[in-house]
Amino acid sequence: MPKKSEAESSKKLSQEEFEKKVIELAGKGFTSEKIGEKLRKQGIHPKEYNKKISKILNEKNKYINPDMKNIEEKLEKIKKHYAKHKQDKRAMREKDRIFAKLRKTKKYHKVI
């Protein structure tokens, strides 16, 4: 494997370039955690910059809470299953439980 030269490894983005990169990745539908992973793979470490990724996204109104996103996806899957299998009582109970969890999460994050 070829070694990176000193110039390549010490090359650091400015704060504005970092924020543009974060917003670009958010536009593709990534959550703040996934954006952090993608940046680290590119050799950009978010800890070196003044703002957290979630703060940058919050300022631009593009922040998606990963917990809520995951719960919503789970709820959609179980709704789809329950629509197909009406006799599945366990799925009905699970749908209600996940919906309550989503409602609690929204209330906690003051989205409602």
C-alpha atoms as a PDB file:
ATOM      1  CA  MET A   1       0.000   0.000   0.000  1.00  0.00           C
ATOM      2  CA  PRO A   2       1.340   3.436  -0.872  1.00  0.00           C
ATOM      3  CA  LYS A   3       1.892   5.796   2.036  1.00  0.00           C
ATOM      4  CA  LYS A   4       0.155   9.140   2.169  1.00  0.00           C
ATOM      5  CA  SER A   5       2.452  12.069   1.895  1.00  0.00           C
ATOM      6  CA  GLU A   6       2.674  14.631   4.707  1.00  0.00           C
ATOM      7  CA  ALA A   7       0.805  17.216   2.626  1.00  0.00           C
ATOM      8  CA  GLU A   8      -2.159  14.885   2.014  1.00  0.00           C
ATOM      9  CA  SER A   9      -2.571  13.728   5.600  1.00  0.00           C
ATOM     10  CA  SER A  10      -2.250  17.214   7.126  1.00  0.00           C
ATOM     11  CA  LYS A  11      -4.676  18.791   4.634  1.00  0.00           C
ATOM     12  CA  LYS A  12      -7.571  20.137   6.710  1.00  0.00           C
ATOM     13  CA  LEU A  13     -10.810  21.636   5.467  1.00  0.00           C
ATOM     14  CA  SER A  14     -11.890  25.078   6.625  1.00  0.00           C
ATOM     15  CA  GLN A  15     -14.952  25.336   8.880  1.00  0.00           C
ATOM     16  CA  GLU A  16     -17.124  26.527   5.949  1.00  0.00           C
ATOM     17  CA  GLU A  17     -16.007  23.656   3.701  1.00  0.00           C
ATOM     18  CA  PHE A  18     -16.700  21.192   6.517  1.00  0.00           C
ATOM     19  CA  GLU A  19     -20.226  22.600   6.976  1.00  0.00           C
ATOM     20  CA  LYS A  20     -20.882  22.433   3.212  1.00  0.00           C
ATOM     21  CA  LYS A  21     -19.762  18.803   3.164  1.00  0.00           C
ATOM     22  CA  VAL A  22     -22.070  17.966   6.106  1.00  0.00           C
ATOM     23  CA  ILE A  23     -25.068  19.637   4.441  1.00  0.00           C
ATOM     24  CA  GLU A  24     -24.308  17.896   1.150  1.00  0.00           C
ATOM     25  CA  LEU A  25     -24.366  14.494   2.878  1.00  0.00           C
ATOM     26  CA  ALA A  26     -27.555  15.423   4.757  1.00  0.00           C
ATOM     27  CA  GLY A  27     -29.166  16.214   1.406  1.00  0.00           C
ATOM     28  CA  LYS A  28     -28.545  12.603   0.417  1.00  0.00           C
ATOM     29  CA  GLY A  29     -30.646  11.488   3.415  1.00  0.00           C
ATOM     30  CA  PHE A  30     -27.946  10.497   5.911  1.00  0.00           C
ATOM     31  CA  THR A  31     -28.403  10.948   9.663  1.00  0.00           C
ATOM     32  CA  SER A  32     -25.780  12.716  11.756  1.00  0.00           C
ATOM     33  CA  GLU A  33     -24.166   9.392  12.778  1.00  0.00           C
ATOM     34  CA  LYS A  34     -23.885   8.193   9.193  1.00  0.00           C
ATOM     35  CA  ILE A  35     -22.475  11.567   8.128  1.00  0.00           C
ATOM     36  CA  GLY A  36     -19.783  11.220  10.817  1.00  0.00           C
ATOM     37  CA  GLU A  37     -18.909   7.729   9.585  1.00  0.00           C
ATOM     38  CA  LYS A  38     -18.665   8.871   5.961  1.00  0.00           C
ATOM     39  CA  LEU A  39     -16.441  11.820   6.883  1.00  0.00           C
ATOM     40  CA  ARG A  40     -14.115   9.630   8.978  1.00  0.00           C
ATOM     41  CA  LYS A  41     -13.744   7.237   6.034  1.00  0.00           C
ATOM     42  CA  GLN A  42     -12.660  10.222   3.933  1.00  0.00           C
ATOM     43  CA  GLY A  43     -10.075  11.191   6.566  1.00  0.00           C
ATOM     44  CA  ILE A  44     -12.034  14.161   7.907  1.00  0.00           C
ATOM     45  CA  HIS A  45     -12.448  14.022  11.677  1.00  0.00           C
ATOM     46  CA  PRO A  46     -15.469  15.985  12.959  1.00  0.00           C
ATOM     47  CA  LYS A  47     -13.856  16.416  16.406  1.00  0.00           C
ATOM     48  CA  GLU A  48     -11.322  18.820  14.859  1.00  0.00           C
ATOM     49  CA  TYR A  49     -14.052  21.355  14.046  1.00  0.00           C
ATOM     50  CA  ASN A  50     -15.894  23.787  16.318  1.00  0.00           C
ATOM     51  CA  LYS A  51     -19.465  22.617  15.710  1.00  0.00           C
ATOM     52  CA  LYS A  52     -21.071  19.232  16.074  1.00  0.00           C
ATOM     53  CA  ILE A  53     -22.707  17.743  12.991  1.00  0.00           C
ATOM     54  CA  SER A  54     -26.149  17.797  14.615  1.00  0.00           C
ATOM     55  CA  LYS A  55     -25.766  21.524  15.464  1.00  0.00           C
ATOM     56  CA  ILE A  56     -24.890  22.332  11.840  1.00  0.00           C
ATOM     57  CA  LEU A  57     -27.900  20.374  10.577  1.00  0.00           C
ATOM     58  CA  ASN A  58     -30.175  21.924  13.203  1.00  0.00           C
ATOM     59  CA  GLU A  59     -29.214  25.436  12.061  1.00  0.00           C
ATOM     60  CA  LYS A  60     -30.054  24.543   8.464  1.00  0.00           C
ATOM     61  CA  ASN A  61     -33.337  22.799   9.479  1.00  0.00           C
ATOM     62  CA  LYS A  62     -32.134  19.489   8.030  1.00  0.00           C
ATOM     63  CA  TYR A  63     -31.702  17.603  11.302  1.00  0.00           C
ATOM     64  CA  ILE A  64     -33.424  14.230  11.474  1.00  0.00           C
ATOM     65  CA  ASN A  65     -33.337  12.539  14.847  1.00  0.00           C
ATOM     66  CA  PRO A  66     -31.947   9.041  14.184  1.00  0.00           C
ATOM     67  CA  ASP A  67     -34.080   7.458  16.932  1.00  0.00           C
ATOM     68  CA  MET A  68     -37.290   8.771  15.410  1.00  0.00           C
ATOM     69  CA  LYS A  69     -36.227   7.832  11.896  1.00  0.00           C
ATOM     70  CA  ASN A  70     -35.529   4.235  12.956  1.00  0.00           C
ATOM     71  CA  ILE A  71     -38.803   3.947  14.878  1.00  0.00           C
ATOM     72  CA  GLU A  72     -40.777   5.356  11.931  1.00  0.00           C
ATOM     73  CA  GLU A  73     -39.168   2.843   9.567  1.00  0.00           C
ATOM     74  CA  LYS A  74     -39.973  -0.004  11.955  1.00  0.00           C
ATOM     75  CA  LEU A  75     -43.582   1.193  12.263  1.00  0.00           C
ATOM     76  CA  GLU A  76     -43.979   1.309   8.476  1.00  0.00           C
ATOM     77  CA  LYS A  77     -42.694  -2.259   8.153  1.00  0.00           C
ATOM     78  CA  ILE A  78     -45.048  -3.599  10.816  1.00  0.00           C
ATOM     79  CA  LYS A  79     -48.021  -1.671   9.336  1.00  0.00           C
ATOM     80  CA  LYS A  80     -47.298  -3.193   5.940  1.00  0.00           C
ATOM     81  CA  HIS A  81     -47.116  -6.672   7.478  1.00  0.00           C
ATOM     82  CA  TYR A  82     -50.306  -6.186   9.486  1.00  0.00           C
ATOM     83  CA  ALA A  83     -52.213  -4.935   6.424  1.00  0.00           C
ATOM     84  CA  LYS A  84     -51.380  -8.218   4.704  1.00  0.00           C
ATOM     85  CA  HIS A  85     -51.968 -10.475   7.748  1.00  0.00           C
ATOM     86  CA  LYS A  86     -55.073  -9.238   9.611  1.00  0.00           C
ATOM     87  CA  GLN A  87     -55.244 -12.334  11.842  1.00  0.00           C
ATOM     88  CA  ASP A  88     -51.754 -11.722  13.266  1.00  0.00           C
ATOM     89  CA  LYS A  89     -52.679 -10.481  16.748  1.00  0.00           C
ATOM     90  CA  ARG A  90     -49.071 -10.240  17.834  1.00  0.00           C
ATOM     91  CA  ALA A  91     -48.319  -7.898  14.922  1.00  0.00           C
ATOM     92  CA  MET A  92     -51.303  -5.754  15.915  1.00  0.00           C
ATOM     93  CA  ARG A  93     -49.976  -5.446  19.450  1.00  0.00           C
ATOM     94  CA  GLU A  94     -46.467  -4.708  18.166  1.00  0.00           C
ATOM     95  CA  LYS A  95     -47.843  -1.995  15.871  1.00  0.00           C
ATOM     96  CA  ASP A  96     -49.579  -0.326  18.825  1.00  0.00           C
ATOM     97  CA  ARG A  97     -46.461  -0.636  20.988  1.00  0.00           C
ATOM     98  CA  ILE A  98     -44.169   0.896  18.344  1.00  0.00           C
ATOM     99  CA  PHE A  99     -46.669   3.693  17.687  1.00  0.00           C
ATOM    100  CA  ALA A 100     -46.680   4.536  21.412  1.00  0.00           C
ATOM    101  CA  LYS A 101     -42.882   4.497  21.437  1.00  0.00           C
ATOM    102  CA  LEU A 102     -42.819   6.912  18.486  1.00  0.00           C
ATOM    103  CA  ARG A 103     -45.305   9.211  20.208  1.00  0.00           C
ATOM    104  CA  LYS A 104     -43.201   9.236  23.407  1.00  0.00           C
ATOM    105  CA  THR A 105     -40.021   9.955  21.432  1.00  0.00           C
ATOM    106  CA  LYS A 106     -41.688  12.841  19.583  1.00  0.00           C
ATOM    107  CA  LYS A 107     -42.944  14.264  22.858  1.00  0.00           C
ATOM    108  CA  TYR A 108     -39.472  13.975  24.398  1.00  0.00           C
ATOM    109  CA  HIS A 109     -37.867  15.771  21.459  1.00  0.00           C
ATOM    110  CA  LYS A 110     -40.745  18.294  21.335  1.00  0.00           C
ATOM    111  CA  VAL A 111     -41.656  17.527  17.733  1.00  0.00           C
ATOM    112  CA  ILE A 112     -45.430  17.288  18.318  1.00  0.00           C
END
